[in-house]
Amino acid sequence: MRTLIVSGYVAALATALAACTTRAPDYLEYAAYQDTNTVASRITERVGACWFEDGNDAFARFAYAPELNSFSGKPRILIVPKNNPAGLPQLVIEVSEGKRATVVKLFGPLLATARGTAIQRDVERWADGGTDCS
């Protein structure tokens, strides 16, 4: 009986620890303190220059589709599989007007990859006004 109780505690502890493991985010949001069009244009330009034109191997399998004049009124950049450009985007960067600042949102499965942290840093830097590639 005692062994059964101890093993029950061990199983409960293992379950609790598994629930506490950190998971890569699949949605992030940043505030930018310039107008929406300026922020969207800068991020679009930097994505093209830093991730695609520089021959960045991490994005070799992808293409990007800037939609600065989106019907939703929210400019966005889609990162899509190069072999299936009409397929589901692997990363979406959306820029919209918020109450106090421009809002930059990131979502998609690329955030959960090994490149996810670098993507987050790049977009946050560009939303803040930076223009360098890392």
Foldseek 3Di string as FASTA:
>chain_A
DVVVVVVVVVVVVVVVVVVPDDAQDQKDKDFFADDQLVLLVLVVVLCCVQVPVVPNVVLPQWDKDWDCPDPVQKTKIFICGPVCRVDDGQKIWTWADDPRGIMIMIGHNVLRDPCNVVVVVVSNCSSHPDRDHD
